[in-house]
Protein backbone atom coordinates (compact mmCIF):
# COMPACT_ATOMS: atom_id res chain seq x y z
CA MET A 1 117.39 125.64 29.98
CA GLY A 2 117.78 123.20 32.90
CA ILE A 3 118.35 126.17 35.17
CA VAL A 4 114.88 127.44 34.33
CA ARG A 5 112.63 124.40 33.91
CA VAL A 6 113.56 121.89 36.62
CA ALA A 7 110.42 120.16 37.89
CA GLU A 8 108.34 123.12 36.71
CA ASP A 9 105.14 121.12 36.63
CA VAL A 10 105.25 120.54 40.38
CA GLU A 11 106.73 123.85 41.54
CA ALA A 12 103.47 125.14 42.94
CA GLY A 13 105.28 126.66 45.87
CA VAL A 14 108.02 128.42 43.92
CA VAL A 15 107.14 132.03 43.19
CA GLY A 16 107.77 133.68 39.90
CA ALA A 17 109.53 136.43 38.19
CA GLY A 18 110.87 139.60 39.07
CA GLY A 19 110.03 140.61 42.57
CA GLY A 20 112.13 143.55 43.32
CA GLY A 21 110.68 144.03 46.73
CA CYS A 22 107.38 145.22 48.11
CA SER A 23 107.31 148.33 45.99
CA GLY A 24 108.41 146.69 42.74
CA GLY A 25 106.37 146.16 39.62
CA GLY A 26 103.82 148.85 40.42
CA VAL A 27 102.29 146.85 43.26
CA THR A 28 101.15 149.21 45.98
CA GLU A 29 99.57 146.67 48.36
CA PRO A 30 101.66 143.56 47.63
CA LEU A 31 100.48 141.18 50.32
CA LEU A 32 96.99 142.08 51.35
CA ARG A 33 93.90 143.58 49.88
CA ARG A 34 93.46 147.10 51.22
CA CYS A 35 90.12 146.25 52.73
CA GLY A 36 91.51 143.23 54.62
CA LYS A 37 95.00 144.24 55.65
CA GLU A 38 94.20 144.79 59.31
CA GLU A 39 92.33 141.47 59.53
CA ALA A 40 95.21 139.59 57.91
CA GLU A 41 97.73 141.20 60.22
CA ALA A 42 95.58 140.21 63.18
CA LYS A 43 95.45 136.66 61.85
CA ILE A 44 99.22 136.49 61.56
CA ARG A 45 99.60 137.88 65.07
CA GLY A 46 97.07 135.34 66.29
CA GLU A 47 98.97 132.47 64.70
CA ALA A 48 102.21 133.71 66.18
CA GLU A 49 100.54 134.05 69.57
CA ALA A 50 99.12 130.55 69.30
CA SER A 51 102.56 129.20 68.54
CA LYS A 52 103.87 131.06 71.55
CA CYS A 53 101.05 129.86 73.80
CA GLY A 54 101.75 126.30 72.75
CA SER A 55 105.07 126.57 74.50
CA GLU A 56 103.60 127.59 77.84
CA GLY A 57 104.51 125.36 80.71
CA ARG A 58 108.05 124.94 79.40
CA GLU A 59 110.99 126.85 80.71
CA THR A 60 112.09 129.72 78.48
CA ASP A 61 115.42 131.30 78.30
CA GLY A 62 116.25 134.80 77.08
CA GLY A 63 119.15 133.27 75.22
CA SER A 64 117.09 130.56 73.51
CA SER A 65 116.70 132.69 70.39
CA LEU A 66 120.39 133.11 69.85
CA ARG A 67 121.05 129.51 70.84
CA MET A 68 118.86 128.00 68.11
CA VAL A 69 120.24 130.35 65.46
CA LEU A 70 123.78 129.42 66.46
CA VAL A 71 123.02 125.69 66.52
CA SER A 72 121.37 125.90 63.09
CA THR A 73 124.33 127.83 61.71
CA ALA A 74 126.77 125.34 63.24
CA VAL A 75 124.98 122.46 61.53
CA ALA A 76 124.82 124.25 58.18
CA VAL A 77 128.52 125.14 58.16
CA CYS A 78 129.40 121.46 58.42
CA GLY A 79 128.65 121.71 54.72
CA SER A 80 131.17 124.53 54.45
CA PHE A 81 133.81 122.43 56.21
CA GLU A 82 132.99 119.64 53.77
CA PHE A 83 133.49 122.11 50.92
CA GLY A 84 136.96 122.92 52.27
CA THR A 85 137.97 119.27 52.60
CA CYS A 86 136.92 118.58 48.99
CA VAL A 87 138.91 121.53 47.66
CA GLY A 88 141.98 120.81 49.76
CA TYR A 89 142.10 117.03 49.34
CA SER A 90 144.23 116.91 46.20
CA ALA A 91 147.10 119.02 47.56
CA PRO A 92 148.64 116.58 50.10
CA THR A 93 147.70 113.39 48.24
CA GLN A 94 149.45 113.84 44.90
CA SER A 95 152.48 111.61 45.45
CA GLY A 96 150.50 108.85 47.17
CA ILE A 97 147.80 108.62 44.51
CA ILE A 98 150.27 108.78 41.62
CA TYR A 99 152.39 106.01 43.17
CA GLU A 100 149.63 103.65 44.31
CA VAL A 101 147.09 104.01 41.48
CA GLY A 102 149.66 104.62 38.78
CA LEU A 103 148.43 107.99 37.54
CA SER A 104 150.58 110.20 35.39
CA VAL A 105 151.11 113.82 36.37
CA SER A 106 148.61 114.96 33.72
CA GLU A 107 146.02 112.43 34.93
CA PHE A 108 146.41 113.68 38.48
CA ALA A 109 146.02 117.26 37.23
CA LEU A 110 142.69 116.19 35.74
CA PHE A 111 141.75 114.55 39.05
CA GLY A 112 142.34 117.86 40.82
CA SER A 113 140.61 120.14 38.31
CA ILE A 114 137.63 117.90 37.52
CA LEU A 115 136.17 118.98 40.86
CA THR A 116 135.26 122.29 39.23
CA ILE A 117 133.36 120.51 36.43
CA GLY A 118 131.14 118.77 38.95
CA ALA A 119 130.81 122.03 40.88
CA MET A 120 129.54 123.83 37.77
CA ILE A 121 126.80 121.22 37.39
CA GLY A 122 125.95 121.61 41.07
CA ALA A 123 125.90 125.39 40.72
CA VAL A 124 123.43 125.25 37.82
CA THR A 125 121.00 123.05 39.76
CA SER A 126 121.56 124.41 43.27
CA GLY A 127 119.02 127.22 43.25
CA ARG A 128 116.16 125.19 41.83
CA LEU A 129 116.90 122.27 44.16
CA ALA A 130 116.92 124.57 47.18
CA ASP A 131 113.67 126.25 46.10
CA PHE A 132 111.83 123.06 45.19
CA LEU A 133 113.03 120.67 47.91
CA GLY A 134 113.86 123.15 50.66
CA ARG A 135 117.15 124.27 52.13
CA LYS A 136 117.47 121.36 54.56
CA MET A 137 116.61 118.62 52.08
CA THR A 138 119.06 120.07 49.56
CA MET A 139 121.85 119.98 52.16
CA ARG A 140 120.85 116.43 53.10
CA ILE A 141 121.05 115.24 49.48
CA SER A 142 124.39 117.00 48.98
CA ALA A 143 125.87 115.34 52.06
CA THR A 144 124.68 111.92 50.89
CA ILE A 145 126.17 112.37 47.42
CA CYS A 146 129.39 113.57 49.04
CA MET A 147 129.63 110.38 51.07
CA PHE A 148 129.35 108.28 47.92
CA GLY A 149 132.06 110.44 46.35
CA TRP A 150 134.44 109.88 49.25
CA LEU A 151 133.76 106.13 49.28
CA SER A 152 134.45 105.97 45.54
CA ILE A 153 137.84 107.61 46.08
CA HIS A 154 138.64 105.43 49.10
CA LEU A 155 137.92 102.22 47.16
CA ALA A 156 139.43 103.41 43.86
CA LYS A 157 141.74 101.06 41.99
CA SER A 158 141.77 103.05 38.78
CA ALA A 159 141.63 106.60 37.46
CA ILE A 160 137.97 106.19 36.46
CA MET A 161 136.86 105.56 40.05
CA LEU A 162 138.89 108.54 41.23
CA TYR A 163 137.36 110.79 38.60
CA PHE A 164 133.85 109.56 39.37
CA GLY A 165 134.26 110.24 43.07
CA ARG A 166 135.80 113.65 42.41
CA ILE A 167 132.89 114.68 40.17
CA LEU A 168 130.41 113.67 42.88
CA LEU A 169 132.36 115.76 45.39
CA GLY A 170 132.35 118.65 42.94
CA PHE A 171 128.59 118.48 42.44
CA SER A 172 128.05 118.53 46.21
CA THR A 173 130.37 121.47 46.76
CA GLY A 174 128.67 123.39 43.95
CA VAL A 175 125.30 122.94 45.65
CA LEU A 176 126.62 123.60 49.16
CA SER A 177 128.41 126.77 48.07
CA TYR A 178 124.97 128.21 47.29
CA VAL A 179 122.56 126.71 49.80
CA VAL A 180 124.62 127.14 52.98
CA PRO A 181 125.02 130.97 52.85
CA VAL A 182 121.41 131.35 51.68
CA PHE A 183 120.10 129.23 54.57
CA ILE A 184 122.15 131.18 57.11
CA ALA A 185 121.02 134.54 55.68
CA GLU A 186 117.37 133.46 55.87
CA ILE A 187 117.43 132.27 59.49
CA ALA A 188 119.69 134.90 61.06
CA PRO A 189 118.51 138.12 62.73
CA LYS A 190 119.56 141.13 60.69
CA ASN A 191 122.10 142.33 63.29
CA LEU A 192 123.94 138.99 63.21
CA ARG A 193 123.44 137.93 59.61
CA GLY A 194 126.76 139.14 58.23
CA GLY A 195 128.90 137.64 60.98
CA LEU A 196 127.08 134.31 60.91
CA ALA A 197 127.25 134.14 57.12
CA THR A 198 130.99 134.74 57.26
CA SER A 199 131.30 131.51 59.27
CA ASN A 200 130.75 129.84 55.88
CA GLN A 201 134.13 131.06 54.65
CA LEU A 202 135.74 130.37 58.04
CA LEU A 203 134.73 126.71 57.93
CA ILE A 204 135.81 126.39 54.29
CA CYS A 205 139.26 127.58 55.37
CA SER A 206 139.18 125.22 58.34
CA GLY A 207 138.29 122.23 56.16
CA SER A 208 141.03 123.04 53.71
CA SER A 209 143.60 123.51 56.49
CA ALA A 210 142.55 120.24 58.11
CA THR A 211 143.24 118.29 54.93
CA TYR A 212 146.64 119.97 54.54
CA ILE A 213 147.72 119.14 58.08
CA ILE A 214 146.20 115.67 58.46
CA GLY A 215 147.14 114.77 54.89
CA ALA A 216 150.79 115.15 55.83
CA LEU A 217 150.34 112.52 58.54
CA VAL A 218 148.07 109.83 57.06
CA ALA A 219 147.71 107.89 53.80
CA TRP A 220 145.48 109.32 51.08
CA ARG A 221 142.81 106.65 51.51
CA ASN A 222 142.57 107.35 55.25
CA LEU A 223 142.33 111.09 54.59
CA VAL A 224 138.86 110.34 53.18
CA LEU A 225 137.64 110.09 56.79
CA VAL A 226 138.24 113.83 57.23
CA GLY A 227 135.68 114.38 54.50
CA LEU A 228 133.19 111.81 55.75
CA VAL A 229 132.95 113.21 59.29
CA PRO A 230 131.31 116.56 58.37
CA CYS A 231 128.88 114.68 56.09
CA VAL A 232 127.74 112.55 59.01
CA LEU A 233 127.48 115.59 61.31
CA LEU A 234 125.47 117.51 58.72
CA LEU A 235 123.06 114.62 58.11
CA GLY A 236 122.52 114.09 61.82
CA GLY A 237 122.29 117.76 62.75
CA LEU A 238 119.62 118.54 60.15
CA PHE A 239 117.11 116.49 62.15
CA PHE A 240 117.36 118.95 65.07
CA ILE A 241 117.13 122.36 63.40
CA PRO A 242 114.18 124.16 61.78
CA GLU A 243 113.74 124.78 58.07
CA SER A 244 114.22 128.31 56.73
CA PRO A 245 111.04 130.22 57.69
CA ARG A 246 111.25 132.32 54.53
CA TRP A 247 111.27 129.21 52.36
CA LEU A 248 108.32 127.76 54.30
CA ALA A 249 106.37 130.99 53.83
CA ASN A 250 107.33 131.01 50.18
CA VAL A 251 105.80 127.57 49.55
CA GLY A 252 102.69 128.30 51.62
CA ARG A 253 103.35 126.09 54.65
CA GLU A 254 101.90 128.60 57.12
CA LYS A 255 101.88 126.60 60.35
CA GLU A 256 105.43 125.36 59.86
CA PHE A 257 106.51 128.89 58.93
CA HIS A 258 105.37 130.28 62.28
CA THR A 259 106.75 127.31 64.21
CA SER A 260 110.16 127.67 62.55
CA LEU A 261 110.32 131.42 63.09
CA GLN A 262 109.29 131.02 66.73
CA LYS A 263 112.02 128.42 67.34
CA LEU A 264 114.64 130.66 65.78
CA ARG A 265 113.60 133.81 67.64
CA GLY A 266 112.85 132.15 70.99
CA GLU A 267 109.73 130.76 72.60
CA ASP A 268 109.05 134.00 74.46
CA ALA A 269 109.72 136.28 71.48
CA ASP A 270 107.01 138.26 69.70
CA ILE A 271 107.37 137.27 66.07
CA SER A 272 104.18 138.88 64.78
CA GLU A 273 105.85 141.95 63.26
CA GLU A 274 108.59 139.97 61.54
CA ALA A 275 106.06 137.39 60.32
CA ILE A 276 103.93 140.13 58.78
CA GLU A 277 106.94 141.69 57.10
CA ILE A 278 108.04 138.36 55.61
CA LYS A 279 104.52 137.50 54.48
CA GLU A 280 103.98 140.90 52.91
CA TYR A 281 107.16 140.60 50.92
CA ILE A 282 106.66 137.02 49.78
CA GLU A 283 102.98 137.33 48.92
CA SER A 284 103.77 140.41 46.84
CA LEU A 285 105.94 138.15 44.69
CA HIS A 286 103.14 135.64 44.16
CA SER A 287 101.37 138.12 41.93
CA PHE A 288 104.14 137.79 39.34
CA PRO A 289 104.58 134.96 36.81
CA LYS A 290 107.15 132.20 37.29
CA ALA A 291 110.77 133.20 37.25
CA ARG A 292 112.67 132.59 34.02
CA LEU A 293 116.32 132.97 33.19
CA GLN A 294 115.64 136.04 31.05
CA ASP A 295 113.90 137.70 34.01
CA LEU A 296 117.32 138.25 35.57
CA PHE A 297 117.89 140.93 32.96
CA LEU A 298 114.74 142.90 33.69
CA SER A 299 115.28 146.36 35.16
CA LYS A 300 114.05 145.30 38.60
CA ASN A 301 116.60 142.46 38.81
CA ILE A 302 119.58 143.57 36.74
CA TYR A 303 121.12 145.62 39.54
CA ALA A 304 121.30 142.56 41.84
CA VAL A 305 122.77 140.52 38.95
CA ILE A 306 125.45 143.14 38.30
CA VAL A 307 126.41 143.23 41.98
CA GLY A 308 126.35 139.46 42.55
CA VAL A 309 128.07 138.43 39.33
CA GLY A 310 130.48 141.37 39.42
CA LEU A 311 131.77 140.52 42.87
CA MET A 312 132.33 136.88 41.89
CA VAL A 313 134.13 137.88 38.69
CA PHE A 314 136.48 140.22 40.55
CA GLN A 315 136.98 137.65 43.31
CA GLN A 316 138.35 135.23 40.72
CA LEU A 317 140.22 137.81 38.61
CA GLY A 318 142.14 138.68 41.76
CA GLY A 319 143.88 135.31 41.32
CA ILE A 320 142.89 133.46 44.48
CA ASN A 321 142.71 130.02 42.87
CA GLY A 322 146.03 130.47 41.13
CA VAL A 323 147.68 131.46 44.40
CA GLY A 324 145.89 128.77 46.40
CA PHE A 325 146.48 125.88 44.01
CA TYR A 326 150.09 126.79 43.23
CA ALA A 327 151.28 128.38 46.47
CA SER A 328 154.10 125.88 46.95
CA TYR A 329 155.26 126.40 43.35
CA ILE A 330 155.18 130.19 43.78
CA PHE A 331 157.30 130.06 46.92
CA SER A 332 159.77 127.63 45.37
CA SER A 333 160.07 129.79 42.24
CA ALA A 334 160.93 132.77 44.44
CA GLY A 335 163.58 130.79 46.34
CA PHE A 336 161.56 130.18 49.51
CA SER A 337 160.56 126.85 51.08
CA GLY A 338 157.28 125.75 49.52
CA LYS A 339 156.36 123.56 52.50
CA LEU A 340 157.01 126.30 55.06
CA GLY A 341 155.18 128.85 52.95
CA THR A 342 152.01 126.78 52.69
CA ILE A 343 152.10 126.08 56.44
CA LEU A 344 152.25 129.82 57.10
CA ILE A 345 149.27 130.37 54.79
CA GLY A 346 147.28 127.80 56.77
CA ILE A 347 148.22 129.48 60.04
CA ILE A 348 147.04 132.97 59.09
CA GLN A 349 143.88 132.07 57.17
CA ILE A 350 141.62 130.96 60.00
CA PRO A 351 142.24 133.73 62.57
CA ILE A 352 141.98 136.47 59.95
CA THR A 353 138.74 135.03 58.56
CA LEU A 354 137.39 134.91 62.12
CA PHE A 355 138.42 138.55 62.60
CA GLY A 356 136.55 139.41 59.41
CA ALA A 357 133.44 137.68 60.74
CA ILE A 358 133.56 139.87 63.85
CA LEU A 359 133.91 143.01 61.73
CA MET A 360 131.21 142.04 59.21
CA ASP A 361 128.27 143.51 61.15
CA ARG A 362 130.31 146.32 62.66
CA SER A 363 132.19 147.92 59.82
CA GLY A 364 129.83 146.77 57.05
CA ARG A 365 130.23 144.89 53.80
CA ARG A 366 131.47 147.76 51.63
CA VAL A 367 134.29 148.76 53.97
CA LEU A 368 135.54 145.19 54.29
CA LEU A 369 135.47 144.74 50.52
CA MET A 370 137.43 147.94 49.88
CA VAL A 371 140.01 147.22 52.60
CA SER A 372 140.36 143.63 51.39
CA ALA A 373 140.77 144.60 47.72
CA SER A 374 143.37 147.19 48.72
CA GLY A 375 145.27 144.47 50.56
CA THR A 376 145.10 142.00 47.67
CA PHE A 377 146.39 144.75 45.38
CA LEU A 378 149.33 145.38 47.69
CA GLY A 379 150.09 141.66 48.11
CA CYS A 380 150.03 140.93 44.37
CA PHE A 381 152.05 144.05 43.60
CA MET A 382 154.74 143.06 46.13
CA THR A 383 154.88 139.53 44.69
CA GLY A 384 155.08 140.92 41.16
CA ILE A 385 157.95 143.18 42.20
CA SER A 386 159.80 140.21 43.70
CA PHE A 387 159.59 138.25 40.43
CA TYR A 388 160.55 141.35 38.43
CA LEU A 389 163.67 141.76 40.58
CA LYS A 390 164.49 138.07 40.09
CA ALA A 391 164.08 138.33 36.31
CA GLN A 392 166.33 141.39 36.20
CA GLY A 393 168.90 139.92 38.58
CA LEU A 394 168.42 142.80 41.02
CA PHE A 395 168.65 142.48 44.82
CA PRO A 396 168.39 138.65 44.80
CA GLU A 397 168.52 138.54 48.59
CA TRP A 398 165.21 140.45 48.74
CA VAL A 399 163.27 138.21 46.39
CA PRO A 400 162.25 135.34 48.78
CA THR A 401 161.26 137.67 51.61
CA LEU A 402 159.34 140.01 49.32
CA ALA A 403 157.48 137.12 47.68
CA LEU A 404 156.62 135.55 51.05
CA SER A 405 155.43 138.88 52.44
CA GLY A 406 153.37 139.58 49.33
CA ILE A 407 151.60 136.22 49.33
CA LEU A 408 150.86 136.36 53.07
CA VAL A 409 149.50 139.91 52.73
CA TYR A 410 147.38 138.74 49.80
CA ILE A 411 145.96 135.69 51.61
CA GLY A 412 145.29 137.69 54.77
CA ALA A 413 143.54 140.49 52.89
CA TYR A 414 141.49 138.03 50.83
CA SER A 415 140.40 136.09 53.91
CA ILE A 416 139.04 139.17 55.66
CA GLY A 417 136.82 140.41 52.85
CA MET A 418 137.01 139.25 49.24
CA GLY A 419 136.68 135.63 50.31
CA PRO A 420 133.54 135.70 52.48
CA VAL A 421 131.76 138.97 51.66
CA PRO A 422 130.75 138.26 48.02
CA TRP A 423 128.92 135.14 49.21
CA VAL A 424 127.18 137.09 51.97
CA VAL A 425 126.12 139.82 49.55
CA MET A 426 124.96 137.23 47.02
CA SER A 427 122.64 135.72 49.63
CA GLU A 428 121.22 139.17 50.43
CA VAL A 429 120.70 141.08 47.18
CA PHE A 430 118.44 138.72 45.22
CA SER A 431 114.72 138.77 45.93
CA ILE A 432 113.46 135.43 47.14
CA ASP A 433 111.76 134.57 43.84
CA MET A 434 115.01 135.20 41.95
CA LYS A 435 117.36 133.54 44.43
CA ALA A 436 117.11 130.20 42.67
CA ILE A 437 118.13 131.46 39.23
CA GLY A 438 120.27 134.36 40.43
CA GLY A 439 122.10 132.30 43.02
CA SER A 440 122.76 129.52 40.52
CA LEU A 441 124.12 132.02 38.00
CA VAL A 442 126.43 133.66 40.53
CA THR A 443 127.70 130.31 41.82
CA LEU A 444 128.25 129.07 38.27
CA VAL A 445 130.24 132.21 37.44
CA SER A 446 132.39 131.64 40.52
CA TRP A 447 133.21 128.05 39.53
CA LEU A 448 133.83 128.99 35.90
CA GLY A 449 136.26 131.63 37.11
CA SER A 450 137.88 129.12 39.43
CA PHE A 451 138.44 126.70 36.57
CA ALA A 452 139.73 129.40 34.21
CA ILE A 453 142.24 130.85 36.67
CA SER A 454 143.49 127.53 38.07
CA TYR A 455 143.89 126.04 34.60
CA SER A 456 145.62 129.06 33.03
CA PHE A 457 147.83 130.04 35.96
CA SER A 458 150.79 127.84 35.05
CA PHE A 459 150.71 129.12 31.47
CA LEU A 460 150.59 132.70 32.71
CA MET A 461 153.54 132.08 35.01
CA ASP A 462 155.52 130.61 32.11
CA TRP A 463 154.70 133.73 30.10
CA SER A 464 155.68 136.19 32.86
CA SER A 465 155.62 135.61 36.61
CA ALA A 466 155.81 139.32 37.35
CA GLY A 467 153.23 140.15 34.69
CA THR A 468 150.80 137.60 36.12
CA PHE A 469 150.79 139.22 39.55
CA PHE A 470 150.66 142.72 38.12
CA MET A 471 147.52 141.65 36.24
CA PHE A 472 145.99 140.36 39.47
CA SER A 473 146.86 143.61 41.26
CA THR A 474 145.18 145.62 38.49
CA ALA A 475 142.02 143.53 38.91
CA SER A 476 142.06 144.38 42.63
CA LEU A 477 142.21 148.10 41.85
CA ILE A 478 139.22 147.81 39.54
CA THR A 479 137.43 145.89 42.29
CA ILE A 480 137.72 148.90 44.61
CA LEU A 481 136.09 151.15 42.00
CA PHE A 482 133.33 148.59 41.44
CA VAL A 483 132.52 148.45 45.15
CA VAL A 484 132.54 152.23 45.53
CA LYS A 485 130.21 152.77 42.58
CA LEU A 486 127.82 149.81 42.68
CA VAL A 487 127.83 147.60 45.76
CA PRO A 488 125.13 148.54 48.32
CA GLU A 489 125.62 148.41 52.08
CA THR A 490 123.42 145.65 53.52
CA LYS A 491 124.60 145.73 57.14
CA GLY A 492 121.82 145.88 59.72
CA ARG A 493 118.96 145.53 57.22
CA THR A 494 116.37 142.81 56.83
CA LEU A 495 116.29 141.06 53.48
CA GLU A 496 113.03 142.86 52.72
CA GLU A 497 114.55 146.26 53.54
CA ILE A 498 117.48 145.47 51.23
CA GLN A 499 115.06 144.81 48.37
CA ASP A 500 113.30 148.11 49.00
CA SER A 501 116.66 149.87 48.91
CA LEU A 502 117.67 148.17 45.66
CA ASN A 503 114.37 149.11 44.05
CA SER A 504 114.86 152.74 44.97
CA ARG A 505 118.17 152.76 43.04
CA ARG A 506 116.63 151.60 39.78
C-alpha cells in the first residue's frame, strides 16, 4: 500500500483518479465552467502576456526556446549517465573487490544483483516522490543518496558496507529511471519529445561504457569517481533549469507554471494556447477523487497499463539483462574472446542509440519498436543456431563468428528501439494523475524482470544454451504482434492529445 498512501495527508496538489483525458469520465467541460470559459482563457493569456512583458528590455533570441529545453534535458540526463555507471560498475571490478575485500564469488554475485533490490524499492516510491516533491527535488534527492552510496563503496572494508552502498545506488537508479524520462517528456515540445527522451537511453549506455573502459585502467575504489561526477553535475545543474510546467500546474502554482513554460518556450514565444491546453487537461482531472492503485484497472486507465507494462515485460523477456550481464561468458562459451566481444558491444551501442534518437520523431515509436524487435529476434536466433551447431558438433569453425554476429545484431537492434522506446512511451501514455502510480508500476515491473532474467540466465544456459536464445527470439516475435495490435503512435502529439486518442480507443 506504500505506493498508494505516501504522504497522503499533505498531497493537496496531487490530483486523483482516473483522468483519461479531457473527454474522460463523462466530463464535457473539464477545466472551465461553460459560462466562464472565455474569461478564464483571457486570464491565462493575460498571465502569459504579463510573463512575456516582464522580459522586455532584455535581448531575446529565436533559439532561446530550444536552448533552454536542451540545457534542461542535458542536466536531467546526468541522472541517466549516473544510472549507467551504477549498472556497469560491477563488471570491471570483480577481481579487485574479491581480492581486496575478501569476497567469495557468491558474495560478489550478491553485490552485483542487490542493485535490483534497491531499484525495486526506488521504483515503488518514484512516482509518489516525483508527484509530491516535484521532478527537480526528486532528482536532487536521488543524486544525494547516490553520492552516499558511492562513498560507502569507496570506503568499504567489508561486504556489509559494499552491500549498503549498492542498495543506495539501486534505490537512486530506480527513482531516476522513472523521473528523468517523465521530466523530459513534460518539458519538451511535441515535435522534439521523442528524440530528447531517447537521450535518456543514450546516456545510460554512455555511463555503462565509461565504467567498462575506465574500469580497465583504474582501481575499483577510484572508479567511484566516475559515478560521483554526474551526481555533482546533476545537483549543480538543477539550480539553473525550470521545474516541469505540467507539474507546477498540477499542484496549483500558477505564477511559477507560466514562468517555467515561458522559459522553456522562449521569452518571445506566445504560450497562451499551450497554457490553456495544459490547464484544461489538468483541471479536468481535479474533479476526480485521489488516485488509488486499483484505479489503474479502471476502463479509462487499463489500456495505458497494458501498453506500459506490456512493453516492459517484453523488453525483459527479450533477454537484454542476460546478454548484458553475461556477454563475456557467452562469447567465451562460443569460442570467441570475451574481452574483445564486450569491447565491440561498447563500440556499437552509443552510435546506434544516437541514430535511434534521430529517428524517434521521424519514423515514430511503433516503427522503431517493430524494426528493433525484428532485429532482436534475428540476433537471438543466430546466437541460438551457433550454440546448436556447437552442441551437435557441426561446422565448428562457424560457431564463434555466428555467435559474435548474433550478439552484435541483438545489441544494435535493442539499442535502436526496444531499449529507449518503452521508456518514452511509458512517459507519454499515462494521464498526469496516474503517472505516479502507473509509472511506479511500470518501473517496478522492469526491475523485477531485470532481476528474474539476470538471476536465471546462468541456470538457463546450463539447461540449454541454444534453447535459451530460441526462447528469447520467440519473445521478440510476440513483441512484434503486441506492438502491431496494441501500442499507439505518439509521435508529434502533445501529451493531452495522446490522452484524447487513448480515450477514443476504449
